[in-house]
Protein backbone atom coordinates (compact mmCIF):
# COMPACT_ATOMS: atom_id res chain seq x y z
CA MET A 1 89.93 96.59 109.99
CA SER A 2 93.53 96.54 108.84
CA LYS A 3 96.46 95.16 110.72
CA ILE A 4 100.17 95.85 110.48
CA MET A 5 102.35 92.94 109.45
CA LYS A 6 106.01 92.68 108.65
CA LEU A 7 107.01 91.59 105.18
CA PRO A 8 108.40 88.06 105.19
CA GLU A 9 112.20 87.89 105.09
CA GLY A 10 113.50 88.54 101.58
CA GLU A 11 110.10 89.59 100.20
CA LYS A 12 110.05 92.87 98.32
CA ARG A 13 107.06 95.19 98.23
CA ILE A 14 105.77 95.88 94.74
CA TYR A 15 105.02 99.55 94.29
CA LYS A 16 102.11 100.69 92.14
CA ILE A 17 102.76 103.59 89.78
CA LEU A 18 100.35 105.51 87.57
CA LEU A 19 102.03 106.89 84.42
CA VAL A 20 100.25 109.77 82.68
CA ASP A 21 101.32 111.19 79.33
CA ASP A 22 99.46 112.19 76.17
CA ASP A 23 102.44 111.10 74.05
CA PRO A 24 101.94 107.35 73.39
CA SER A 25 105.60 106.71 72.57
CA MET A 26 106.79 108.39 75.79
CA LEU A 27 104.18 106.44 77.74
CA GLU A 28 105.33 103.15 76.20
CA VAL A 29 109.03 103.76 76.83
CA THR A 30 108.56 104.81 80.47
CA TYR A 31 106.13 101.93 81.01
CA GLU A 32 108.66 99.37 79.76
CA ILE A 33 111.61 100.71 81.74
CA LEU A 34 109.69 100.91 85.02
CA LYS A 35 107.99 97.53 84.51
CA ASP A 36 111.43 96.01 83.94
CA LYS A 37 112.51 97.46 87.30
CA GLY A 38 109.72 95.52 89.03
CA TYR A 39 107.07 98.19 89.46
CA GLN A 40 103.38 97.53 88.82
CA ILE A 41 102.43 100.10 86.18
CA THR A 42 99.07 101.51 85.14
CA THR A 43 98.94 103.99 82.27
CA ALA A 44 96.65 106.87 81.34
CA ILE A 45 96.84 108.64 77.96
CA SER A 46 95.29 111.90 79.24
CA GLY A 47 94.68 113.90 82.36
CA GLU A 48 90.99 113.00 82.16
CA ASP A 49 91.83 109.29 82.10
CA ALA A 50 94.24 109.77 85.00
CA LEU A 51 91.56 111.36 87.18
CA GLU A 52 89.28 108.41 86.50
CA VAL A 53 91.99 105.84 87.22
CA LEU A 54 93.05 107.64 90.41
CA GLY A 55 89.52 107.40 91.77
CA ALA A 56 89.38 103.65 91.11
CA GLY A 57 92.74 102.44 92.45
CA GLU A 58 95.45 102.84 95.03
CA PHE A 59 98.87 104.00 93.92
CA ASP A 60 102.17 104.70 95.64
CA MET A 61 103.26 107.15 92.94
CA VAL A 62 102.03 109.17 89.97
CA ILE A 63 104.37 110.29 87.20
CA THR A 64 102.55 112.81 85.04
CA ASP A 65 103.26 115.05 82.12
CA LEU A 66 102.50 118.69 82.91
CA THR A 67 101.02 119.85 79.61
CA MET A 68 98.11 117.76 78.38
CA GLY A 69 94.69 118.64 76.88
CA GLN A 70 92.07 120.06 79.20
CA VAL A 71 93.27 118.35 82.37
CA ASN A 72 96.95 119.07 83.00
CA GLY A 73 99.52 117.59 85.36
CA ILE A 74 98.73 120.08 88.13
CA ALA A 75 95.09 118.87 88.16
CA VAL A 76 96.33 115.27 88.32
CA LEU A 77 98.72 116.23 91.15
CA LYS A 78 95.93 117.93 93.13
CA LYS A 79 93.55 114.97 92.77
CA ALA A 80 96.24 112.45 93.69
CA LYS A 81 97.20 114.38 96.84
CA LYS A 82 93.53 114.88 97.75
CA ILE A 83 92.90 111.13 97.55
CA ASN A 84 96.14 110.23 99.33
CA PRO A 85 98.33 112.99 100.81
CA LYS A 86 101.24 110.50 101.12
CA ILE A 87 101.31 109.57 97.42
CA PHE A 88 104.46 110.58 95.58
CA VAL A 89 103.99 112.71 92.46
CA ILE A 90 106.67 113.46 89.88
CA ILE A 91 105.85 115.96 87.15
CA ALA A 92 107.61 115.81 83.78
CA THR A 93 107.67 118.89 81.58
CA GLY A 94 109.38 120.47 78.64
CA ASN A 95 108.76 123.93 80.16
CA ALA A 96 111.39 125.91 82.02
CA PRO A 97 111.39 124.83 85.67
CA SER A 98 110.80 128.28 87.11
CA THR A 99 107.57 128.59 85.14
CA PHE A 100 105.77 125.72 86.83
CA ALA A 101 107.97 124.66 89.73
CA LEU A 102 106.43 127.05 92.23
CA GLU A 103 102.90 125.99 91.34
CA ALA A 104 103.80 122.30 91.46
CA LEU A 105 105.56 122.75 94.81
CA ARG A 106 102.57 124.68 96.14
CA TYR A 107 100.52 121.54 95.56
CA ASN A 108 103.20 119.29 97.09
CA ALA A 109 104.81 117.72 94.03
CA ASP A 110 107.67 115.54 95.21
CA ASP A 111 109.94 116.02 92.21
CA TYR A 112 110.03 117.04 88.57
CA LEU A 113 111.89 116.06 85.44
CA LEU A 114 112.68 118.26 82.46
CA LYS A 115 111.97 116.68 79.08
CA PRO A 116 113.76 115.22 77.38
CA PHE A 117 115.15 113.28 80.32
CA ARG A 118 117.39 110.25 80.53
CA LEU A 119 115.54 107.11 81.54
CA SER A 120 118.20 106.46 84.16
CA ASP A 121 117.29 109.82 85.77
CA LEU A 122 113.64 108.77 85.89
CA VAL A 123 114.50 105.44 87.51
CA ASP A 124 116.79 107.17 90.06
CA ARG A 125 114.11 109.70 91.03
CA VAL A 126 111.41 107.07 91.33
CA SER A 127 113.70 104.95 93.48
CA ARG A 128 114.68 107.89 95.70
CA CYS A 129 111.06 108.89 96.32
CA LEU A 130 109.94 105.36 97.12
CA GLU A 131 112.91 104.76 99.42
CA LYS A 132 111.52 107.54 101.60
CA ARG A 133 108.40 105.44 102.05
CA THR A 134 110.01 102.01 102.45
CA PRO A 135 108.16 100.71 105.46
CA LEU A 136 109.39 98.45 108.18
CA ASN A 137 105.82 97.23 108.24
CA VAL A 138 103.25 96.89 105.48
CA ASN A 139 99.57 97.58 105.86
CA TYR A 140 97.42 94.65 104.74
CA ALA A 141 93.63 94.95 104.51
């Protein structure tokens, strides 16, 4: 049974983010910038890996590339929302927004970024999404 407890004064909640991208250099750069901002980061190098990791852990957010091998970002989005409808999902893509935006929105993506994007834009969007969730109380198991 879980109980609701307030965070101690001055204590900051550490958000857990799953980063998914089949481009190792992009994965490394986004990992470093978000880790430096205080987030707990888990990475997946493919959509297949992401589906496995999603089933084994709890995350506050998923940031996924849209176009990857056999399992794309929409599949990752659907699985994440099925596991936890309140999880935030940001999709990054090099495709024109109108091409995928409707499909991503249909499956409740919270935001998207067009590649190449500025790292400051990524940090701002992550922060904005998570601010929507900032609880007055935190659920402890």
